Amino acid sequence: MAIEFRLLQRSDSIADLTALLHAAYAQLQRLGFNYTAVDQSEQTTRDRIAGGECYVAIDAGHIIGTILFRRHSRGCAWYEQRHVAAVHQFGVMPTAQRSGIGKKLIQLCETRAIETGATEIALDTAEGAAHLVGWYERLGYRPVAIEQWQGKTYRSLILSKDLHGSAVA
C-alpha cells in the first residue's frame, strides 16, 4: 500500500499524532535538546495544530509523519515578515526516516507556501543538531537568524528557502 499524504482529519487520533512526535524527537532529546515535541501533551498538540494546516503521512492506517504549515507565523522577526511562510512540528517515525517521507512533507509545504503567495519558507531547529541543519541545507535552506526560545536549553537556527521563481526541489 502506498503512503498517503493529506491534511489531518477530525477522525485522526491526536494521541497517535502526539506519540509520533514523541518518538520522532526522542533522538534529539537524547542529544540534550528539550524541544516542545519531546514530551508535549495532547492538548499542546491540539493547540499547536489549531494555528495552521497539519499534514500527515499515513501508512497502513498509521500516522508515520507530520508537518505543520503556517502561512503567517510568529515568534521571531524572520517568521513575522509578510512574504515568509513557516513549518513547525515536523517529524517522521524513526523506523520510516531516510525513506523520503520527510522530504515529501517539506515539498508539500513548499508548494502550499507558493500557492498562498509566500516567496520564502522558513523553519527552525537546534543550532547543534548538525545532522538536521545539513539536511535542510541540502534541500536549499540557508541560515538567516538565531533565536533563543524561552525555556529552551539550546539556540535555534532559523533556516529559510527562497521560493520566488524556483520550482520546488
N, C-alpha and C. Protein backbone atom coordinates (compact mmCIF):
# COMPACT_ATOMS: atom_id res chain seq x y z
N MET A 1 0.84 -1.19 0.00
CA MET A 1 0.00 0.00 0.00
C MET A 1 0.88 1.25 0.00
N ALA A 2 0.53 2.23 -0.80
CA ALA A 2 1.29 3.48 -0.89
C ALA A 2 1.02 4.37 0.32
N ILE A 3 2.00 5.17 0.64
CA ILE A 3 1.85 6.13 1.73
C ILE A 3 0.96 7.27 1.24
N GLU A 4 0.00 7.64 2.08
CA GLU A 4 -0.93 8.72 1.77
C GLU A 4 -0.47 9.98 2.49
N PHE A 5 -0.42 11.09 1.77
CA PHE A 5 -0.08 12.39 2.33
C PHE A 5 -1.34 13.25 2.25
N ARG A 6 -1.79 13.77 3.42
CA ARG A 6 -3.03 14.53 3.43
C ARG A 6 -3.11 15.40 4.69
N LEU A 7 -4.13 16.26 4.70
CA LEU A 7 -4.40 17.04 5.90
C LEU A 7 -4.88 16.12 7.02
N LEU A 8 -4.54 16.46 8.23
CA LEU A 8 -5.07 15.75 9.39
C LEU A 8 -6.58 15.88 9.38
N GLN A 9 -7.27 14.81 9.67
CA GLN A 9 -8.74 14.81 9.69
C GLN A 9 -9.24 14.70 11.12
N ARG A 10 -10.46 15.13 11.34
CA ARG A 10 -11.06 15.06 12.68
C ARG A 10 -11.04 13.64 13.23
N SER A 11 -11.13 12.67 12.34
CA SER A 11 -11.16 11.27 12.77
C SER A 11 -9.77 10.73 13.13
N ASP A 12 -8.71 11.47 12.80
CA ASP A 12 -7.36 11.03 13.15
C ASP A 12 -7.13 11.21 14.64
N SER A 13 -6.34 10.35 15.21
CA SER A 13 -6.08 10.35 16.64
C SER A 13 -5.01 11.37 17.03
N ILE A 14 -5.38 12.31 17.89
CA ILE A 14 -4.41 13.27 18.43
C ILE A 14 -3.41 12.53 19.32
N ALA A 15 -3.87 11.48 20.00
CA ALA A 15 -2.96 10.68 20.83
C ALA A 15 -1.89 10.04 19.96
N ASP A 16 -2.27 9.51 18.80
CA ASP A 16 -1.30 8.90 17.89
C ASP A 16 -0.35 9.94 17.31
N LEU A 17 -0.89 11.11 16.95
CA LEU A 17 -0.04 12.19 16.43
C LEU A 17 0.97 12.62 17.49
N THR A 18 0.53 12.76 18.71
CA THR A 18 1.42 13.16 19.81
C THR A 18 2.48 12.08 20.05
N ALA A 19 2.08 10.82 20.02
CA ALA A 19 3.04 9.72 20.21
C ALA A 19 4.08 9.71 19.10
N LEU A 20 3.65 9.99 17.86
CA LEU A 20 4.59 10.08 16.74
C LEU A 20 5.62 11.17 17.03
N LEU A 21 5.16 12.34 17.46
CA LEU A 21 6.09 13.44 17.75
C LEU A 21 7.07 13.05 18.84
N HIS A 22 6.59 12.41 19.89
CA HIS A 22 7.49 11.96 20.96
C HIS A 22 8.56 11.03 20.41
N ALA A 23 8.14 10.08 19.58
CA ALA A 23 9.10 9.11 19.00
C ALA A 23 10.09 9.80 18.06
N ALA A 24 9.57 10.69 17.23
CA ALA A 24 10.42 11.37 16.24
C ALA A 24 11.46 12.27 16.91
N TYR A 25 11.13 12.85 18.04
CA TYR A 25 12.03 13.78 18.72
C TYR A 25 12.87 13.13 19.82
N ALA A 26 12.70 11.84 20.05
CA ALA A 26 13.42 11.16 21.13
C ALA A 26 14.93 11.23 20.95
N GLN A 27 15.42 11.05 19.71
CA GLN A 27 16.86 11.13 19.48
C GLN A 27 17.38 12.53 19.82
N LEU A 28 16.63 13.54 19.49
CA LEU A 28 17.03 14.91 19.79
C LEU A 28 17.05 15.16 21.30
N GLN A 29 16.12 14.55 22.00
CA GLN A 29 16.12 14.64 23.46
C GLN A 29 17.39 13.99 24.02
N ARG A 30 17.76 12.84 23.47
CA ARG A 30 18.98 12.16 23.93
C ARG A 30 20.22 13.01 23.68
N LEU A 31 20.16 13.88 22.68
CA LEU A 31 21.28 14.79 22.38
C LEU A 31 21.26 16.03 23.29
N GLY A 32 20.24 16.12 24.15
CA GLY A 32 20.16 17.22 25.11
C GLY A 32 19.29 18.39 24.71
N PHE A 33 18.52 18.24 23.63
CA PHE A 33 17.66 19.32 23.15
C PHE A 33 16.24 19.13 23.68
N ASN A 34 15.75 20.11 24.41
CA ASN A 34 14.41 20.00 25.00
C ASN A 34 13.34 20.63 24.12
N TYR A 35 13.22 20.12 22.90
CA TYR A 35 12.15 20.56 22.00
C TYR A 35 10.79 20.35 22.68
N THR A 36 9.83 21.18 22.34
CA THR A 36 8.48 21.03 22.88
C THR A 36 7.91 19.66 22.53
N ALA A 37 8.15 19.20 21.31
CA ALA A 37 7.56 17.94 20.84
C ALA A 37 8.09 16.70 21.56
N VAL A 38 9.15 16.85 22.32
CA VAL A 38 9.72 15.72 23.06
C VAL A 38 8.70 15.11 24.01
N ASP A 39 7.96 15.97 24.69
CA ASP A 39 7.05 15.46 25.71
C ASP A 39 5.74 16.24 25.80
N GLN A 40 5.37 16.90 24.70
CA GLN A 40 4.16 17.72 24.76
C GLN A 40 2.93 16.87 25.01
N SER A 41 1.94 17.49 25.64
CA SER A 41 0.67 16.82 25.91
C SER A 41 -0.20 16.80 24.66
N GLU A 42 -1.25 16.02 24.69
CA GLU A 42 -2.20 16.01 23.58
C GLU A 42 -2.83 17.39 23.41
N GLN A 43 -3.07 18.10 24.51
CA GLN A 43 -3.65 19.43 24.41
C GLN A 43 -2.68 20.39 23.72
N THR A 44 -1.39 20.27 24.01
CA THR A 44 -0.40 21.11 23.33
C THR A 44 -0.38 20.80 21.84
N THR A 45 -0.49 19.53 21.49
CA THR A 45 -0.56 19.16 20.08
C THR A 45 -1.77 19.83 19.43
N ARG A 46 -2.93 19.74 20.08
CA ARG A 46 -4.15 20.38 19.55
C ARG A 46 -3.94 21.88 19.39
N ASP A 47 -3.38 22.51 20.42
CA ASP A 47 -3.18 23.96 20.39
C ASP A 47 -2.25 24.36 19.25
N ARG A 48 -1.19 23.61 19.05
CA ARG A 48 -0.22 23.94 18.02
C ARG A 48 -0.80 23.75 16.61
N ILE A 49 -1.55 22.69 16.38
CA ILE A 49 -2.09 22.46 15.04
C ILE A 49 -3.26 23.39 14.74
N ALA A 50 -3.88 23.95 15.76
CA ALA A 50 -5.01 24.86 15.54
C ALA A 50 -4.60 26.10 14.76
N GLY A 51 -3.32 26.43 14.80
CA GLY A 51 -2.86 27.64 14.13
C GLY A 51 -2.35 27.44 12.72
N GLY A 52 -2.64 26.30 12.12
CA GLY A 52 -2.11 26.08 10.77
C GLY A 52 -2.76 24.89 10.09
N GLU A 53 -2.07 24.39 9.08
CA GLU A 53 -2.50 23.22 8.33
C GLU A 53 -1.59 22.06 8.72
N CYS A 54 -2.14 21.08 9.38
CA CYS A 54 -1.35 19.92 9.81
C CYS A 54 -1.48 18.81 8.78
N TYR A 55 -0.35 18.48 8.18
CA TYR A 55 -0.30 17.40 7.20
C TYR A 55 0.28 16.15 7.85
N VAL A 56 -0.20 15.00 7.37
CA VAL A 56 0.28 13.73 7.90
C VAL A 56 0.62 12.79 6.75
N ALA A 57 1.51 11.87 7.05
CA ALA A 57 1.82 10.75 6.17
C ALA A 57 1.22 9.52 6.84
N ILE A 58 0.40 8.79 6.10
CA ILE A 58 -0.31 7.64 6.64
C ILE A 58 0.16 6.38 5.92
N ASP A 59 0.52 5.38 6.69
CA ASP A 59 0.91 4.08 6.14
C ASP A 59 0.11 3.00 6.86
N ALA A 60 -0.66 2.25 6.11
CA ALA A 60 -1.48 1.17 6.67
C ALA A 60 -2.34 1.65 7.84
N GLY A 61 -2.88 2.87 7.70
CA GLY A 61 -3.77 3.42 8.72
C GLY A 61 -3.07 4.08 9.89
N HIS A 62 -1.74 4.13 9.88
CA HIS A 62 -0.98 4.71 10.99
C HIS A 62 -0.28 5.99 10.57
N ILE A 63 -0.30 6.98 11.45
CA ILE A 63 0.42 8.22 11.19
C ILE A 63 1.91 7.96 11.38
N ILE A 64 2.69 8.17 10.32
CA ILE A 64 4.13 7.93 10.40
C ILE A 64 4.95 9.20 10.13
N GLY A 65 4.25 10.29 9.82
CA GLY A 65 4.94 11.55 9.60
C GLY A 65 3.97 12.70 9.75
N THR A 66 4.51 13.88 10.09
CA THR A 66 3.66 15.06 10.22
C THR A 66 4.48 16.33 10.01
N ILE A 67 3.78 17.37 9.63
CA ILE A 67 4.38 18.70 9.50
C ILE A 67 3.24 19.72 9.61
N LEU A 68 3.54 20.85 10.22
CA LEU A 68 2.56 21.91 10.40
C LEU A 68 2.96 23.11 9.55
N PHE A 69 2.09 23.50 8.63
CA PHE A 69 2.32 24.65 7.76
C PHE A 69 1.56 25.85 8.30
N ARG A 70 2.23 26.97 8.34
CA ARG A 70 1.58 28.24 8.69
C ARG A 70 1.95 29.29 7.67
N ARG A 71 0.95 29.89 7.06
CA ARG A 71 1.22 30.95 6.10
C ARG A 71 1.79 32.18 6.81
N HIS A 72 1.28 32.45 7.99
CA HIS A 72 1.81 33.55 8.81
C HIS A 72 2.15 32.97 10.17
N SER A 73 3.38 33.15 10.59
CA SER A 73 3.82 32.61 11.86
C SER A 73 4.33 33.74 12.73
N ARG A 74 4.55 33.44 13.99
CA ARG A 74 5.01 34.44 14.94
C ARG A 74 6.14 33.87 15.76
N GLY A 75 6.75 34.75 16.53
CA GLY A 75 7.77 34.29 17.46
C GLY A 75 9.14 34.90 17.23
N CYS A 76 9.43 35.28 15.99
CA CYS A 76 10.70 35.93 15.70
C CYS A 76 10.53 36.84 14.50
N ALA A 77 11.44 37.78 14.35
CA ALA A 77 11.33 38.78 13.29
C ALA A 77 11.27 38.14 11.90
N TRP A 78 12.05 37.08 11.66
CA TRP A 78 12.06 36.46 10.33
C TRP A 78 10.69 35.88 10.00
N TYR A 79 10.10 35.12 10.94
CA TYR A 79 8.80 34.50 10.72
C TYR A 79 7.71 35.53 10.47
N GLU A 80 7.83 36.68 11.09
CA GLU A 80 6.75 37.67 11.05
C GLU A 80 6.73 38.52 9.78
N GLN A 81 7.67 38.31 8.89
CA GLN A 81 7.65 39.02 7.61
C GLN A 81 6.49 38.50 6.75
N ARG A 82 5.83 39.40 6.05
CA ARG A 82 4.63 39.05 5.29
C ARG A 82 4.88 38.02 4.19
N HIS A 83 6.07 38.01 3.63
CA HIS A 83 6.34 37.11 2.49
C HIS A 83 6.84 35.73 2.93
N VAL A 84 6.95 35.50 4.24
CA VAL A 84 7.53 34.26 4.77
C VAL A 84 6.45 33.35 5.35
N ALA A 85 6.37 32.13 4.85
CA ALA A 85 5.56 31.07 5.46
C ALA A 85 6.51 30.25 6.34
N ALA A 86 5.96 29.38 7.16
CA ALA A 86 6.82 28.59 8.05
C ALA A 86 6.26 27.20 8.26
N VAL A 87 7.16 26.29 8.62
CA VAL A 87 6.76 24.95 9.03
C VAL A 87 7.25 24.71 10.45
N HIS A 88 6.47 23.93 11.16
CA HIS A 88 6.74 23.61 12.56
C HIS A 88 6.36 22.16 12.82
N GLN A 89 6.69 21.70 13.99
CA GLN A 89 6.24 20.40 14.49
C GLN A 89 6.35 19.32 13.41
N PHE A 90 7.55 19.19 12.87
CA PHE A 90 7.85 18.30 11.76
C PHE A 90 8.54 17.05 12.30
N GLY A 91 8.00 15.90 11.97
CA GLY A 91 8.64 14.68 12.42
C GLY A 91 8.19 13.46 11.63
N VAL A 92 9.08 12.48 11.58
CA VAL A 92 8.82 11.21 10.92
C VAL A 92 9.19 10.10 11.90
N MET A 93 8.37 9.08 11.95
CA MET A 93 8.63 7.93 12.82
C MET A 93 10.05 7.43 12.54
N PRO A 94 10.84 7.17 13.59
CA PRO A 94 12.23 6.73 13.38
C PRO A 94 12.38 5.56 12.42
N THR A 95 11.47 4.60 12.46
CA THR A 95 11.57 3.44 11.57
C THR A 95 11.30 3.79 10.11
N ALA A 96 10.74 4.99 9.85
CA ALA A 96 10.43 5.41 8.49
C ALA A 96 11.34 6.54 8.00
N GLN A 97 12.28 6.96 8.84
CA GLN A 97 13.18 8.02 8.44
C GLN A 97 14.12 7.52 7.34
N ARG A 98 14.62 8.44 6.55
CA ARG A 98 15.53 8.16 5.43
C ARG A 98 14.85 7.39 4.31
N SER A 99 13.52 7.56 4.22
CA SER A 99 12.76 6.88 3.17
C SER A 99 12.11 7.87 2.20
N GLY A 100 12.36 9.16 2.39
CA GLY A 100 11.78 10.17 1.52
C GLY A 100 10.51 10.80 2.04
N ILE A 101 9.99 10.30 3.15
CA ILE A 101 8.73 10.83 3.70
C ILE A 101 8.91 12.27 4.16
N GLY A 102 9.98 12.55 4.87
CA GLY A 102 10.24 13.91 5.34
C GLY A 102 10.39 14.88 4.19
N LYS A 103 11.13 14.49 3.18
CA LYS A 103 11.31 15.36 2.01
C LYS A 103 9.97 15.64 1.34
N LYS A 104 9.13 14.63 1.23
CA LYS A 104 7.81 14.80 0.62
C LYS A 104 6.95 15.76 1.44
N LEU A 105 7.01 15.65 2.76
CA LEU A 105 6.24 16.56 3.62
C LEU A 105 6.73 18.01 3.47
N ILE A 106 8.05 18.18 3.42
CA ILE A 106 8.61 19.52 3.22
C ILE A 106 8.17 20.07 1.86
N GLN A 107 8.25 19.26 0.82
CA GLN A 107 7.85 19.70 -0.52
C GLN A 107 6.38 20.09 -0.56
N LEU A 108 5.55 19.35 0.14
CA LEU A 108 4.13 19.66 0.21
C LEU A 108 3.94 21.07 0.78
N CYS A 109 4.67 21.39 1.84
CA CYS A 109 4.55 22.71 2.46
C CYS A 109 5.16 23.81 1.59
N GLU A 110 6.23 23.50 0.89
CA GLU A 110 6.80 24.48 -0.04
C GLU A 110 5.79 24.82 -1.13
N THR A 111 5.10 23.81 -1.63
CA THR A 111 4.07 24.04 -2.64
C THR A 111 2.94 24.88 -2.06
N ARG A 112 2.51 24.56 -0.84
CA ARG A 112 1.44 25.35 -0.19
C ARG A 112 1.90 26.80 -0.01
N ALA A 113 3.15 27.00 0.36
CA ALA A 113 3.66 28.36 0.54
C ALA A 113 3.54 29.15 -0.76
N ILE A 114 3.94 28.55 -1.86
CA ILE A 114 3.84 29.20 -3.17
C ILE A 114 2.38 29.49 -3.49
N GLU A 115 1.51 28.51 -3.26
CA GLU A 115 0.08 28.69 -3.54
C GLU A 115 -0.53 29.83 -2.75
N THR A 116 -0.01 30.09 -1.55
CA THR A 116 -0.57 31.14 -0.70
C THR A 116 0.14 32.48 -0.87
N GLY A 117 1.07 32.55 -1.81
CA GLY A 117 1.72 33.81 -2.12
C GLY A 117 3.02 34.09 -1.39
N ALA A 118 3.51 33.15 -0.62
CA ALA A 118 4.79 33.34 0.07
C ALA A 118 5.93 33.21 -0.94
N THR A 119 7.00 33.94 -0.70
CA THR A 119 8.19 33.80 -1.54
C THR A 119 9.35 33.18 -0.77
N GLU A 120 9.16 32.96 0.52
CA GLU A 120 10.13 32.27 1.38
C GLU A 120 9.37 31.30 2.26
N ILE A 121 10.04 30.24 2.66
CA ILE A 121 9.51 29.34 3.68
C ILE A 121 10.62 29.08 4.67
N ALA A 122 10.29 29.14 5.95
CA ALA A 122 11.30 29.04 6.99
C ALA A 122 10.93 27.98 8.02
N LEU A 123 11.94 27.58 8.77
CA LEU A 123 11.79 26.62 9.85
C LEU A 123 12.92 26.85 10.84
N ASP A 124 12.86 26.19 11.97
CA ASP A 124 13.97 26.30 12.91
C ASP A 124 14.28 24.95 13.50
N THR A 125 15.53 24.82 13.90
CA THR A 125 15.99 23.60 14.56
C THR A 125 17.14 23.98 15.48
N ALA A 126 17.47 23.10 16.39
CA ALA A 126 18.57 23.37 17.31
C ALA A 126 19.86 23.61 16.53
N GLU A 127 20.54 24.68 16.90
CA GLU A 127 21.79 25.03 16.24
C GLU A 127 22.78 23.86 16.26
N GLY A 128 22.76 23.09 17.34
CA GLY A 128 23.68 21.98 17.49
C GLY A 128 23.25 20.67 16.84
N ALA A 129 22.07 20.65 16.23
CA ALA A 129 21.60 19.43 15.55
C ALA A 129 22.16 19.42 14.14
N ALA A 130 23.46 19.19 14.04
CA ALA A 130 24.19 19.31 12.77
C ALA A 130 23.59 18.43 11.67
N HIS A 131 23.12 17.25 12.02
CA HIS A 131 22.55 16.36 11.01
C HIS A 131 21.29 16.97 10.39
N LEU A 132 20.47 17.66 11.18
CA LEU A 132 19.27 18.30 10.65
C LEU A 132 19.62 19.57 9.87
N VAL A 133 20.52 20.37 10.41
CA VAL A 133 20.94 21.59 9.72
C VAL A 133 21.49 21.23 8.34
N GLY A 134 22.33 20.21 8.27
CA GLY A 134 22.90 19.77 6.99
C GLY A 134 21.83 19.29 6.03
N TRP A 135 20.84 18.55 6.54
CA TRP A 135 19.76 18.04 5.69
C TRP A 135 18.96 19.20 5.11
N TYR A 136 18.60 20.16 5.95
CA TYR A 136 17.85 21.32 5.46
C TYR A 136 18.67 22.10 4.44
N GLU A 137 19.95 22.25 4.68
CA GLU A 137 20.80 22.97 3.72
C GLU A 137 20.84 22.25 2.38
N ARG A 138 20.88 20.91 2.40
CA ARG A 138 20.86 20.15 1.15
C ARG A 138 19.54 20.32 0.40
N LEU A 139 18.48 20.68 1.12
CA LEU A 139 17.18 20.93 0.49
C LEU A 139 17.04 22.38 0.03
N GLY A 140 18.09 23.17 0.20
CA GLY A 140 18.07 24.55 -0.29
C GLY A 140 17.80 25.60 0.76
N TYR A 141 17.75 25.23 2.02
CA TYR A 141 17.53 26.20 3.10
C TYR A 141 18.87 26.80 3.51
N ARG A 142 18.81 28.06 3.94
CA ARG A 142 20.02 28.75 4.37
C ARG A 142 19.77 29.38 5.73
N PRO A 143 20.80 29.46 6.57
CA PRO A 143 20.64 30.12 7.87
C PRO A 143 20.38 31.62 7.69
N VAL A 144 19.40 32.14 8.44
CA VAL A 144 19.08 33.57 8.35
C VAL A 144 19.06 34.27 9.71
N ALA A 145 18.95 33.51 10.79
CA ALA A 145 18.87 34.12 12.12
C ALA A 145 19.10 33.06 13.19
N ILE A 146 19.34 33.53 14.39
CA ILE A 146 19.44 32.65 15.55
C ILE A 146 18.48 33.19 16.61
N GLU A 147 17.74 32.30 17.25
CA GLU A 147 16.79 32.68 18.29
C GLU A 147 17.05 31.84 19.54
N GLN A 148 16.77 32.43 20.67
CA GLN A 148 16.79 31.71 21.93
C GLN A 148 15.35 31.69 22.45
N TRP A 149 14.65 30.60 22.19
CA TRP A 149 13.26 30.50 22.63
C TRP A 149 13.22 30.35 24.15
N GLN A 150 12.22 30.93 24.74
CA GLN A 150 12.05 30.87 26.20
C GLN A 150 11.94 29.42 26.67
N GLY A 151 12.72 29.08 27.68
CA GLY A 151 12.67 27.75 28.28
C GLY A 151 13.46 26.68 27.56
N LYS A 152 14.12 27.02 26.47
CA LYS A 152 14.87 26.01 25.72
C LYS A 152 16.34 26.04 26.12
N THR A 153 16.95 24.87 26.11
CA THR A 153 18.35 24.71 26.53
C THR A 153 19.32 24.88 25.36
N TYR A 154 18.80 25.25 24.23
CA TYR A 154 19.62 25.36 23.01
C TYR A 154 19.19 26.63 22.27
N ARG A 155 20.05 27.10 21.40
CA ARG A 155 19.70 28.18 20.49
C ARG A 155 19.16 27.56 19.21
N SER A 156 18.17 28.20 18.64
CA SER A 156 17.58 27.71 17.39
C SER A 156 18.14 28.48 16.21
N LEU A 157 18.47 27.73 15.19
CA LEU A 157 18.89 28.30 13.93
C LEU A 157 17.65 28.41 13.05
N ILE A 158 17.35 29.62 12.59
CA ILE A 158 16.25 29.82 11.65
C ILE A 158 16.84 29.64 10.26
N LEU A 159 16.24 28.74 9.49
CA LEU A 159 16.66 28.49 8.11
C LEU A 159 15.50 28.85 7.19
N SER A 160 15.81 29.39 6.03
CA SER A 160 14.79 29.83 5.11
C SER A 160 15.18 29.45 3.69
N LYS A 161 14.15 29.25 2.87
CA LYS A 161 14.37 28.90 1.46
C LYS A 161 13.62 29.90 0.59
N ASP A 162 14.31 30.41 -0.40
CA ASP A 162 13.73 31.32 -1.38
C ASP A 162 12.91 30.51 -2.36
N LEU A 163 11.61 30.81 -2.44
CA LEU A 163 10.71 30.09 -3.34
C LEU A 163 10.38 30.91 -4.57
N HIS A 164 10.83 32.13 -4.60
CA HIS A 164 10.46 33.03 -5.69
C HIS A 164 11.06 32.58 -7.02
N GLY A 165 10.17 32.28 -7.95
CA GLY A 165 10.62 31.93 -9.29
C GLY A 165 11.34 30.60 -9.42
N SER A 166 11.30 29.77 -8.37
CA SER A 166 12.01 28.49 -8.47
C SER A 166 11.03 27.34 -8.26
N ALA A 167 11.30 26.27 -8.93
CA ALA A 167 10.48 25.06 -8.74
C ALA A 167 10.86 24.42 -7.43
N VAL A 168 9.91 23.76 -6.80
CA VAL A 168 10.17 23.06 -5.56
C VAL A 168 11.00 21.83 -5.88
N ALA A 169 12.15 21.70 -5.21
CA ALA A 169 13.07 20.59 -5.49
C ALA A 169 12.61 19.30 -4.86
